[in-house]
Amino acid sequence: MPAIKFVLSILLLIVIASFAVKNMGSVEFNYYDLQLQLHSIELPLMVVLVIPLVLGLLIAWFMDLFDRFKLKSIIRQQNRSISSMEEELENLKNTPQIPIQAESSNDS
């Protein structure tokens, strides 16, 4: 399985590298600063495409990290509940049982 992941990673890197080489043309990027003044810079197209991709991956990673912490917290809470229930079950197994006497009914 690790070999398959490695091969797929290499193939993905080759695709990304070929995409980067083919898209090295410059594009003008316009933006406003905090004083609402227009500025423009020229960036390679690949940079303009990769920055949002990386930001999206980071956002998704942080969201996944948050979900993992939440799930680990739930697992810890459930493990504590299971432990307390197992202790209660052991205590119930060790308590002496009082025999239940059957009531005799007199049908007259």
C-alpha atoms as a PDB file:
ATOM      1  CA  MET A   1       0.000   0.000   0.000  1.00  0.00           C
ATOM      2  CA  PRO A   2       2.783   2.540   0.756  1.00  0.00           C
ATOM      3  CA  ALA A   3       4.304   1.799  -2.664  1.00  0.00           C
ATOM      4  CA  ILE A   4       1.012   2.631  -4.379  1.00  0.00           C
ATOM      5  CA  LYS A   5       0.774   5.922  -2.471  1.00  0.00           C
ATOM      6  CA  PHE A   6       4.351   6.744  -3.423  1.00  0.00           C
ATOM      7  CA  VAL A   7       3.745   6.057  -7.119  1.00  0.00           C
ATOM      8  CA  LEU A   8       0.530   8.109  -7.089  1.00  0.00           C
ATOM      9  CA  SER A   9       2.353  10.963  -5.337  1.00  0.00           C
ATOM     10  CA  ILE A  10       5.090  10.947  -7.979  1.00  0.00           C
ATOM     11  CA  LEU A  11       2.484  10.967 -10.768  1.00  0.00           C
ATOM     12  CA  LEU A  12       0.652  13.860  -9.127  1.00  0.00           C
ATOM     13  CA  LEU A  13       3.901  15.811  -8.801  1.00  0.00           C
ATOM     14  CA  ILE A  14       4.658  15.223 -12.479  1.00  0.00           C
ATOM     15  CA  VAL A  15       1.213  16.505 -13.471  1.00  0.00           C
ATOM     16  CA  ILE A  16       1.596  19.584 -11.264  1.00  0.00           C
ATOM     17  CA  ALA A  17       5.092  20.283 -12.579  1.00  0.00           C
ATOM     18  CA  SER A  18       3.982  20.012 -16.207  1.00  0.00           C
ATOM     19  CA  PHE A  19       1.018  22.295 -15.444  1.00  0.00           C
ATOM     20  CA  ALA A  20       3.387  24.822 -13.854  1.00  0.00           C
ATOM     21  CA  VAL A  21       5.735  24.785 -16.835  1.00  0.00           C
ATOM     22  CA  LYS A  22       2.891  25.282 -19.314  1.00  0.00           C
ATOM     23  CA  ASN A  23       1.328  28.151 -17.285  1.00  0.00           C
ATOM     24  CA  MET A  24       4.268  30.437 -16.616  1.00  0.00           C
ATOM     25  CA  GLY A  25       2.721  33.398 -18.409  1.00  0.00           C
ATOM     26  CA  SER A  26       2.288  36.550 -16.344  1.00  0.00           C
ATOM     27  CA  VAL A  27      -1.084  37.915 -15.321  1.00  0.00           C
ATOM     28  CA  GLU A  28      -1.849  41.294 -13.830  1.00  0.00           C
ATOM     29  CA  PHE A  29      -3.272  40.995 -10.346  1.00  0.00           C
ATOM     30  CA  ASN A  30      -5.235  44.046  -9.105  1.00  0.00           C
ATOM     31  CA  TYR A  31      -6.096  44.553  -5.443  1.00  0.00           C
ATOM     32  CA  TYR A  32      -7.110  47.280  -3.010  1.00  0.00           C
ATOM     33  CA  ASP A  33      -5.130  48.037   0.125  1.00  0.00           C
ATOM     34  CA  LEU A  34      -6.596  49.193   3.457  1.00  0.00           C
ATOM     35  CA  GLN A  35      -6.776  52.814   2.250  1.00  0.00           C
ATOM     36  CA  LEU A  36      -8.812  51.610  -0.758  1.00  0.00           C
ATOM     37  CA  GLN A  37      -6.089  52.501  -3.226  1.00  0.00           C
ATOM     38  CA  LEU A  38      -5.783  50.297  -6.277  1.00  0.00           C
ATOM     39  CA  HIS A  39      -2.501  48.446  -6.731  1.00  0.00           C
ATOM     40  CA  SER A  40      -1.465  45.949  -9.344  1.00  0.00           C
ATOM     41  CA  ILE A  41       1.332  43.434  -9.586  1.00  0.00           C
ATOM     42  CA  GLU A  42       2.262  40.902 -12.219  1.00  0.00           C
ATOM     43  CA  LEU A  43       2.479  37.310 -11.096  1.00  0.00           C
ATOM     44  CA  PRO A  44       2.965  34.043 -12.951  1.00  0.00           C
ATOM     45  CA  LEU A  45      -0.349  32.319 -13.589  1.00  0.00           C
ATOM     46  CA  MET A  46       0.819  29.286 -11.642  1.00  0.00           C
ATOM     47  CA  VAL A  47       1.278  31.382  -8.482  1.00  0.00           C
ATOM     48  CA  VAL A  48      -2.203  32.865  -8.863  1.00  0.00           C
ATOM     49  CA  LEU A  49      -3.629  29.328  -9.145  1.00  0.00           C
ATOM     50  CA  VAL A  50      -1.558  27.664  -6.415  1.00  0.00           C
ATOM     51  CA  ILE A  51      -2.157  30.236  -3.646  1.00  0.00           C
ATOM     52  CA  PRO A  52      -5.949  29.620  -3.438  1.00  0.00           C
ATOM     53  CA  LEU A  53      -5.322  25.871  -3.698  1.00  0.00           C
ATOM     54  CA  VAL A  54      -2.906  25.917  -0.756  1.00  0.00           C
ATOM     55  CA  LEU A  55      -5.230  28.142   1.281  1.00  0.00           C
ATOM     56  CA  GLY A  56      -8.121  25.758   0.613  1.00  0.00           C
ATOM     57  CA  LEU A  57      -6.032  22.758   1.640  1.00  0.00           C
ATOM     58  CA  LEU A  58      -4.971  24.495   4.865  1.00  0.00           C
ATOM     59  CA  ILE A  59      -8.562  25.410   5.721  1.00  0.00           C
ATOM     60  CA  ALA A  60      -9.713  21.826   5.086  1.00  0.00           C
ATOM     61  CA  TRP A  61      -6.825  20.473   7.182  1.00  0.00           C
ATOM     62  CA  PHE A  62      -7.697  22.736  10.127  1.00  0.00           C
ATOM     63  CA  MET A  63     -11.359  21.741   9.893  1.00  0.00           C
ATOM     64  CA  ASP A  64     -10.357  18.062   9.882  1.00  0.00           C
ATOM     65  CA  LEU A  65      -8.053  18.671  12.849  1.00  0.00           C
ATOM     66  CA  PHE A  66     -10.932  20.251  14.770  1.00  0.00           C
ATOM     67  CA  ASP A  67     -13.186  17.278  13.971  1.00  0.00           C
ATOM     68  CA  ARG A  68     -10.498  14.840  15.125  1.00  0.00           C
ATOM     69  CA  PHE A  69     -10.137  16.618  18.481  1.00  0.00           C
ATOM     70  CA  LYS A  70     -13.915  16.600  18.877  1.00  0.00           C
ATOM     71  CA  LEU A  71     -14.129  12.865  18.095  1.00  0.00           C
ATOM     72  CA  LYS A  72     -11.243  12.046  20.458  1.00  0.00           C
ATOM     73  CA  SER A  73     -13.080  13.915  23.215  1.00  0.00           C
ATOM     74  CA  ILE A  74     -16.241  11.917  22.550  1.00  0.00           C
ATOM     75  CA  ILE A  75     -14.254   8.654  22.573  1.00  0.00           C
ATOM     76  CA  ARG A  76     -12.631   9.523  25.913  1.00  0.00           C
ATOM     77  CA  GLN A  77     -16.043  10.354  27.399  1.00  0.00           C
ATOM     78  CA  GLN A  78     -17.538   7.086  26.142  1.00  0.00           C
ATOM     79  CA  ASN A  79     -14.560   5.079  27.429  1.00  0.00           C
ATOM     80  CA  ARG A  80     -15.066   6.611  30.882  1.00  0.00           C
ATOM     81  CA  SER A  81     -18.750   5.702  30.708  1.00  0.00           C
ATOM     82  CA  ILE A  82     -17.905   2.132  29.667  1.00  0.00           C
ATOM     83  CA  SER A  83     -15.403   1.805  32.528  1.00  0.00           C
ATOM     84  CA  SER A  84     -17.920   2.984  35.092  1.00  0.00           C
ATOM     85  CA  MET A  85     -20.545   0.603  33.707  1.00  0.00           C
ATOM     86  CA  GLU A  86     -18.075  -2.303  33.826  1.00  0.00           C
ATOM     87  CA  GLU A  87     -17.269  -1.474  37.458  1.00  0.00           C
ATOM     88  CA  GLU A  88     -20.978  -1.338  38.286  1.00  0.00           C
ATOM     89  CA  LEU A  89     -21.490  -4.692  36.564  1.00  0.00           C
ATOM     90  CA  GLU A  90     -18.654  -6.263  38.580  1.00  0.00           C
ATOM     91  CA  ASN A  91     -20.139  -4.864  41.793  1.00  0.00           C
ATOM     92  CA  LEU A  92     -23.523  -6.300  40.888  1.00  0.00           C
ATOM     93  CA  LYS A  93     -21.981  -9.691  40.118  1.00  0.00           C
ATOM     94  CA  ASN A  94     -20.260  -9.738  43.516  1.00  0.00           C
ATOM     95  CA  THR A  95     -23.311  -8.812  45.582  1.00  0.00           C
ATOM     96  CA  PRO A  96     -25.080 -11.736  47.237  1.00  0.00           C
ATOM     97  CA  GLN A  97     -28.347 -12.686  45.646  1.00  0.00           C
ATOM     98  CA  ILE A  98     -31.469 -12.901  47.753  1.00  0.00           C
ATOM     99  CA  PRO A  99     -33.513 -15.870  46.614  1.00  0.00           C
ATOM    100  CA  ILE A 100     -36.947 -14.936  45.412  1.00  0.00           C
ATOM    101  CA  GLN A 101     -39.646 -16.988  47.133  1.00  0.00           C
ATOM    102  CA  ALA A 102     -42.525 -17.986  44.991  1.00  0.00           C
ATOM    103  CA  GLU A 103     -45.871 -17.020  46.426  1.00  0.00           C
ATOM    104  CA  SER A 104     -48.171 -19.934  46.796  1.00  0.00           C
ATOM    105  CA  SER A 105     -51.663 -19.265  45.680  1.00  0.00           C
ATOM    106  CA  ASN A 106     -54.595 -21.065  47.195  1.00  0.00           C
ATOM    107  CA  ASP A 107     -57.347 -21.590  44.707  1.00  0.00           C
ATOM    108  CA  SER A 108     -60.468 -22.375  46.650  1.00  0.00           C
END
